Structure formats: structure tokens, C-alpha cells
Amino acid sequence: LDLRNHMANIELNLINEALERTQGVVAHAAQLLGLRRTTLVEKLRKYGIERDQEQLAG
């Protein structure tokens, strides 16, 4: 059992679900997750999730 890896997988799944629910609009996904947009953008980079620049602007 690797707690750090497990928590990262949970976080990644929640981020992907929020992006799906908001049609990829990062600002809206961040709001849904209770994060600042900049924090979510950092997490997208961390996990290698790429979005359209227009969607990143939100």
C-alpha cells in the first residue's frame, strides 16, 4: 500500500471528473473543487493534463 500514490490517484480522478462536468473550463472546475484556478492549473501541470489555452483562461 502506497498512501501517497493512492491519494494522487484520487485527486487525479476528482480533477478529471470536475473538468468533465464543466466541459473543460478550468475556472469552473476549480470552483467546483473548492480550489483557486491557479492551484488547479498547477495540479494539471503536475499530472500532465493538457487543456486548450482558451479553456485554461476560463
PDB file of N, CA and C in Angstrom:
ATOM      1  N   LEU A   1       0.830  -1.189   0.000  1.00  0.00           N
ATOM      2  CA  LEU A   1       0.000   0.000   0.000  1.00  0.00           C
ATOM      3  C   LEU A   1       0.871   1.248   0.000  1.00  0.00           C
ATOM      4  N   ASP A   2       0.608   2.119  -0.919  1.00  0.00           N
ATOM      5  CA  ASP A   2       1.330   3.382  -1.015  1.00  0.00           C
ATOM      6  C   ASP A   2       0.318   4.512  -0.910  1.00  0.00           C
ATOM      7  N   LEU A   3       0.224   5.108   0.267  1.00  0.00           N
ATOM      8  CA  LEU A   3      -0.781   6.137   0.524  1.00  0.00           C
ATOM      9  C   LEU A   3      -0.617   7.329  -0.409  1.00  0.00           C
ATOM     10  N   ARG A   4       0.614   7.764  -0.616  1.00  0.00           N
ATOM     11  CA  ARG A   4       0.854   8.931  -1.468  1.00  0.00           C
ATOM     12  C   ARG A   4       0.348   8.675  -2.888  1.00  0.00           C
ATOM     13  N   ASN A   5       0.636   7.511  -3.428  1.00  0.00           N
ATOM     14  CA  ASN A   5       0.184   7.148  -4.773  1.00  0.00           C
ATOM     15  C   ASN A   5      -1.339   7.034  -4.828  1.00  0.00           C
ATOM     16  N   HIS A   6      -1.914   6.444  -3.814  1.00  0.00           N
ATOM     17  CA  HIS A   6      -3.371   6.284  -3.756  1.00  0.00           C
ATOM     18  C   HIS A   6      -4.064   7.648  -3.701  1.00  0.00           C
ATOM     19  N   MET A   7      -3.551   8.552  -2.879  1.00  0.00           N
ATOM     20  CA  MET A   7      -4.138   9.888  -2.765  1.00  0.00           C
ATOM     21  C   MET A   7      -3.990  10.668  -4.073  1.00  0.00           C
ATOM     22  N   ALA A   8      -2.869  10.503  -4.754  1.00  0.00           N
ATOM     23  CA  ALA A   8      -2.667  11.168  -6.047  1.00  0.00           C
ATOM     24  C   ALA A   8      -3.678  10.663  -7.064  1.00  0.00           C
ATOM     25  N   ASN A   9      -3.959   9.365  -7.056  1.00  0.00           N
ATOM     26  CA  ASN A   9      -4.958   8.802  -7.972  1.00  0.00           C
ATOM     27  C   ASN A   9      -6.353   9.349  -7.676  1.00  0.00           C
ATOM     28  N   ILE A  10      -6.683   9.474  -6.407  1.00  0.00           N
ATOM     29  CA  ILE A  10      -7.985  10.037  -6.026  1.00  0.00           C
ATOM     30  C   ILE A  10      -8.076  11.485  -6.501  1.00  0.00           C
ATOM     31  N   GLU A  11      -7.020  12.267  -6.249  1.00  0.00           N
ATOM     32  CA  GLU A  11      -7.005  13.672  -6.663  1.00  0.00           C
ATOM     33  C   GLU A  11      -7.151  13.782  -8.179  1.00  0.00           C
ATOM     34  N   LEU A  12      -6.423  12.973  -8.915  1.00  0.00           N
ATOM     35  CA  LEU A  12      -6.487  12.993 -10.376  1.00  0.00           C
ATOM     36  C   LEU A  12      -7.886  12.651 -10.871  1.00  0.00           C
ATOM     37  N   ASN A  13      -8.510  11.654 -10.280  1.00  0.00           N
ATOM     38  CA  ASN A  13      -9.870  11.283 -10.675  1.00  0.00           C
ATOM     39  C   ASN A  13     -10.863  12.409 -10.401  1.00  0.00           C
ATOM     40  N   LEU A  14     -10.733  13.070  -9.262  1.00  0.00           N
ATOM     41  CA  LEU A  14     -11.627  14.189  -8.937  1.00  0.00           C
ATOM     42  C   LEU A  14     -11.427  15.356  -9.900  1.00  0.00           C
ATOM     43  N   ILE A  15     -10.183  15.642 -10.236  1.00  0.00           N
ATOM     44  CA  ILE A  15      -9.900  16.719 -11.189  1.00  0.00           C
ATOM     45  C   ILE A  15     -10.512  16.397 -12.544  1.00  0.00           C
ATOM     46  N   ASN A  16     -10.307  15.179 -13.020  1.00  0.00           N
ATOM     47  CA  ASN A  16     -10.875  14.789 -14.316  1.00  0.00           C
ATOM     48  C   ASN A  16     -12.395  14.857 -14.306  1.00  0.00           C
ATOM     49  N   GLU A  17     -13.014  14.430 -13.217  1.00  0.00           N
ATOM     50  CA  GLU A  17     -14.472  14.487 -13.117  1.00  0.00           C
ATOM     51  C   GLU A  17     -14.965  15.934 -13.140  1.00  0.00           C
ATOM     52  N   ALA A  18     -14.285  16.806 -12.414  1.00  0.00           N
ATOM     53  CA  ALA A  18     -14.670  18.221 -12.401  1.00  0.00           C
ATOM     54  C   ALA A  18     -14.517  18.838 -13.785  1.00  0.00           C
ATOM     55  N   LEU A  19     -13.446  18.495 -14.488  1.00  0.00           N
ATOM     56  CA  LEU A  19     -13.243  19.023 -15.840  1.00  0.00           C
ATOM     57  C   LEU A  19     -14.320  18.517 -16.796  1.00  0.00           C
ATOM     58  N   GLU A  20     -14.718  17.265 -16.642  1.00  0.00           N
ATOM     59  CA  GLU A  20     -15.794  16.725 -17.483  1.00  0.00           C
ATOM     60  C   GLU A  20     -17.107  17.452 -17.205  1.00  0.00           C
ATOM     61  N   ARG A  21     -17.407  17.658 -15.938  1.00  0.00           N
ATOM     62  CA  ARG A  21     -18.671  18.315 -15.563  1.00  0.00           C
ATOM     63  C   ARG A  21     -18.743  19.764 -16.042  1.00  0.00           C
ATOM     64  N   THR A  22     -17.578  20.391 -16.188  1.00  0.00           N
ATOM     65  CA  THR A  22     -17.533  21.803 -16.583  1.00  0.00           C
ATOM     66  C   THR A  22     -17.079  21.976 -18.030  1.00  0.00           C
ATOM     67  N   GLN A  23     -17.132  20.908 -18.807  1.00  0.00           N
ATOM     68  CA  GLN A  23     -16.727  20.931 -20.213  1.00  0.00           C
ATOM     69  C   GLN A  23     -15.316  21.485 -20.382  1.00  0.00           C
ATOM     70  N   GLY A  24     -14.445  21.203 -19.425  1.00  0.00           N
ATOM     71  CA  GLY A  24     -13.046  21.583 -19.526  1.00  0.00           C
ATOM     72  C   GLY A  24     -12.723  23.011 -19.142  1.00  0.00           C
ATOM     73  N   VAL A  25     -13.697  23.744 -18.615  1.00  0.00           N
ATOM     74  CA  VAL A  25     -13.432  25.129 -18.204  1.00  0.00           C
ATOM     75  C   VAL A  25     -12.752  25.092 -16.836  1.00  0.00           C
ATOM     76  N   VAL A  26     -11.468  25.429 -16.836  1.00  0.00           N
ATOM     77  CA  VAL A  26     -10.651  25.276 -15.640  1.00  0.00           C
ATOM     78  C   VAL A  26     -11.158  26.131 -14.484  1.00  0.00           C
ATOM     79  N   ALA A  27     -11.552  27.360 -14.756  1.00  0.00           N
ATOM     80  CA  ALA A  27     -12.041  28.232 -13.681  1.00  0.00           C
ATOM     81  C   ALA A  27     -13.268  27.630 -13.009  1.00  0.00           C
ATOM     82  N   HIS A  28     -14.161  27.066 -13.790  1.00  0.00           N
ATOM     83  CA  HIS A  28     -15.370  26.454 -13.227  1.00  0.00           C
ATOM     84  C   HIS A  28     -15.038  25.164 -12.484  1.00  0.00           C
ATOM     85  N   ALA A  29     -14.117  24.382 -13.031  1.00  0.00           N
ATOM     86  CA  ALA A  29     -13.702  23.144 -12.362  1.00  0.00           C
ATOM     87  C   ALA A  29     -13.047  23.466 -11.020  1.00  0.00           C
ATOM     88  N   ALA A  30     -12.227  24.507 -10.996  1.00  0.00           N
ATOM     89  CA  ALA A  30     -11.577  24.912  -9.747  1.00  0.00           C
ATOM     90  C   ALA A  30     -12.615  25.306  -8.707  1.00  0.00           C
ATOM     91  N   GLN A  31     -13.616  26.055  -9.134  1.00  0.00           N
ATOM     92  CA  GLN A  31     -14.683  26.466  -8.217  1.00  0.00           C
ATOM     93  C   GLN A  31     -15.413  25.240  -7.676  1.00  0.00           C
ATOM     94  N   LEU A  32     -15.698  24.293  -8.544  1.00  0.00           N
ATOM     95  CA  LEU A  32     -16.383  23.065  -8.141  1.00  0.00           C
ATOM     96  C   LEU A  32     -15.564  22.289  -7.109  1.00  0.00           C
ATOM     97  N   LEU A  33     -14.249  22.306  -7.276  1.00  0.00           N
ATOM     98  CA  LEU A  33     -13.355  21.580  -6.373  1.00  0.00           C
ATOM     99  C   LEU A  33     -12.992  22.377  -5.117  1.00  0.00           C
ATOM    100  N   GLY A  34     -13.383  23.651  -5.088  1.00  0.00           N
ATOM    101  CA  GLY A  34     -13.035  24.490  -3.950  1.00  0.00           C
ATOM    102  C   GLY A  34     -11.580  24.921  -3.963  1.00  0.00           C
ATOM    103  N   LEU A  35     -11.011  25.056  -5.166  1.00  0.00           N
ATOM    104  CA  LEU A  35      -9.618  25.463  -5.330  1.00  0.00           C
ATOM    105  C   LEU A  35      -9.538  26.798  -6.042  1.00  0.00           C
ATOM    106  N   ARG A  36      -8.399  27.483  -5.886  1.00  0.00           N
ATOM    107  CA  ARG A  36      -8.132  28.641  -6.729  1.00  0.00           C
ATOM    108  C   ARG A  36      -7.776  28.124  -8.115  1.00  0.00           C
ATOM    109  N   ARG A  37      -8.077  28.911  -9.137  1.00  0.00           N
ATOM    110  CA  ARG A  37      -7.791  28.491 -10.509  1.00  0.00           C
ATOM    111  C   ARG A  37      -6.303  28.213 -10.686  1.00  0.00           C
ATOM    112  N   THR A  38      -5.461  29.057 -10.102  1.00  0.00           N
ATOM    113  CA  THR A  38      -4.019  28.869 -10.249  1.00  0.00           C
ATOM    114  C   THR A  38      -3.550  27.561  -9.611  1.00  0.00           C
ATOM    115  N   THR A  39      -4.170  27.186  -8.510  1.00  0.00           N
ATOM    116  CA  THR A  39      -3.830  25.919  -7.860  1.00  0.00           C
ATOM    117  C   THR A  39      -4.205  24.752  -8.757  1.00  0.00           C
ATOM    118  N   LEU A  40      -5.378  24.830  -9.374  1.00  0.00           N
ATOM    119  CA  LEU A  40      -5.789  23.757 -10.273  1.00  0.00           C
ATOM    120  C   LEU A  40      -4.869  23.692 -11.484  1.00  0.00           C
ATOM    121  N   VAL A  41      -4.475  24.831 -12.022  1.00  0.00           N
ATOM    122  CA  VAL A  41      -3.554  24.836 -13.165  1.00  0.00           C
ATOM    123  C   VAL A  41      -2.238  24.155 -12.781  1.00  0.00           C
ATOM    124  N   GLU A  42      -1.740  24.406 -11.580  1.00  0.00           N
ATOM    125  CA  GLU A  42      -0.522  23.741 -11.101  1.00  0.00           C
ATOM    126  C   GLU A  42      -0.714  22.230 -11.040  1.00  0.00           C
ATOM    127  N   LYS A  43      -1.873  21.795 -10.575  1.00  0.00           N
ATOM    128  CA  LYS A  43      -2.154  20.365 -10.487  1.00  0.00           C
ATOM    129  C   LYS A  43      -2.284  19.744 -11.883  1.00  0.00           C
ATOM    130  N   LEU A  44      -2.849  20.490 -12.825  1.00  0.00           N
ATOM    131  CA  LEU A  44      -2.941  19.995 -14.199  1.00  0.00           C
ATOM    132  C   LEU A  44      -1.546  19.758 -14.757  1.00  0.00           C
ATOM    133  N   ARG A  45      -0.646  20.678 -14.493  1.00  0.00           N
ATOM    134  CA  ARG A  45       0.745  20.510 -14.946  1.00  0.00           C
ATOM    135  C   ARG A  45       1.393  19.323 -14.245  1.00  0.00           C
ATOM    136  N   LYS A  46       1.159  19.199 -12.946  1.00  0.00           N
ATOM    137  CA  LYS A  46       1.732  18.105 -12.158  1.00  0.00           C
ATOM    138  C   LYS A  46       1.346  16.752 -12.743  1.00  0.00           C
ATOM    139  N   TYR A  47       0.086  16.616 -13.143  1.00  0.00           N
ATOM    140  CA  TYR A  47      -0.412  15.346 -13.658  1.00  0.00           C
ATOM    141  C   TYR A  47      -0.320  15.239 -15.175  1.00  0.00           C
ATOM    142  N   GLY A  48       0.211  16.273 -15.830  1.00  0.00           N
ATOM    143  CA  GLY A  48       0.382  16.227 -17.278  1.00  0.00           C
ATOM    144  C   GLY A  48      -0.916  16.310 -18.050  1.00  0.00           C
ATOM    145  N   ILE A  49      -1.910  16.968 -17.463  1.00  0.00           N
ATOM    146  CA  ILE A  49      -3.198  17.138 -18.134  1.00  0.00           C
ATOM    147  C   ILE A  49      -3.132  18.421 -18.943  1.00  0.00           C
ATOM    148  N   GLU A  50      -3.350  18.305 -20.243  1.00  0.00           N
ATOM    149  CA  GLU A  50      -3.300  19.477 -21.112  1.00  0.00           C
ATOM    150  C   GLU A  50      -4.707  19.863 -21.517  1.00  0.00           C
ATOM    151  N   ARG A  51      -4.966  21.157 -21.479  1.00  0.00           N
ATOM    152  CA  ARG A  51      -6.254  21.704 -21.892  1.00  0.00           C
ATOM    153  C   ARG A  51      -5.988  22.768 -22.932  1.00  0.00           C
ATOM    154  N   ASP A  52      -7.000  23.103 -23.708  1.00  0.00           N
ATOM    155  CA  ASP A  52      -6.890  24.196 -24.673  1.00  0.00           C
ATOM    156  C   ASP A  52      -6.594  25.489 -23.926  1.00  0.00           C
ATOM    157  N   GLN A  53      -5.793  26.363 -24.524  1.00  0.00           N
ATOM    158  CA  GLN A  53      -5.466  27.639 -23.887  1.00  0.00           C
ATOM    159  C   GLN A  53      -6.722  28.447 -23.582  1.00  0.00           C
ATOM    160  N   GLU A  54      -7.706  28.395 -24.476  1.00  0.00           N
ATOM    161  CA  GLU A  54      -8.959  29.114 -24.254  1.00  0.00           C
ATOM    162  C   GLU A  54      -9.652  28.600 -22.997  1.00  0.00           C
ATOM    163  N   GLN A  55      -9.634  27.284 -22.797  1.00  0.00           N
ATOM    164  CA  GLN A  55     -10.264  26.703 -21.616  1.00  0.00           C
ATOM    165  C   GLN A  55      -9.463  27.025 -20.359  1.00  0.00           C
ATOM    166  N   LEU A  56      -8.122  27.103 -20.477  1.00  0.00           N
ATOM    167  CA  LEU A  56      -7.304  27.444 -19.318  1.00  0.00           C
ATOM    168  C   LEU A  56      -7.625  28.847 -18.825  1.00  0.00           C
ATOM    169  N   ALA A  57      -7.936  29.739 -19.747  1.00  0.00           N
ATOM    170  CA  ALA A  57      -8.267  31.106 -19.360  1.00  0.00           C
ATOM    171  C   ALA A  57      -9.588  31.141 -18.605  1.00  0.00           C
ATOM    172  N   GLY A  58     -10.468  30.180 -18.939  1.00  0.00           N
ATOM    173  CA  GLY A  58     -11.726  30.029 -18.235  1.00  0.00           C
ATOM    174  C   GLY A  58     -12.618  31.205 -18.407  1.00  0.00           C
TER     175      GLY A  58
END
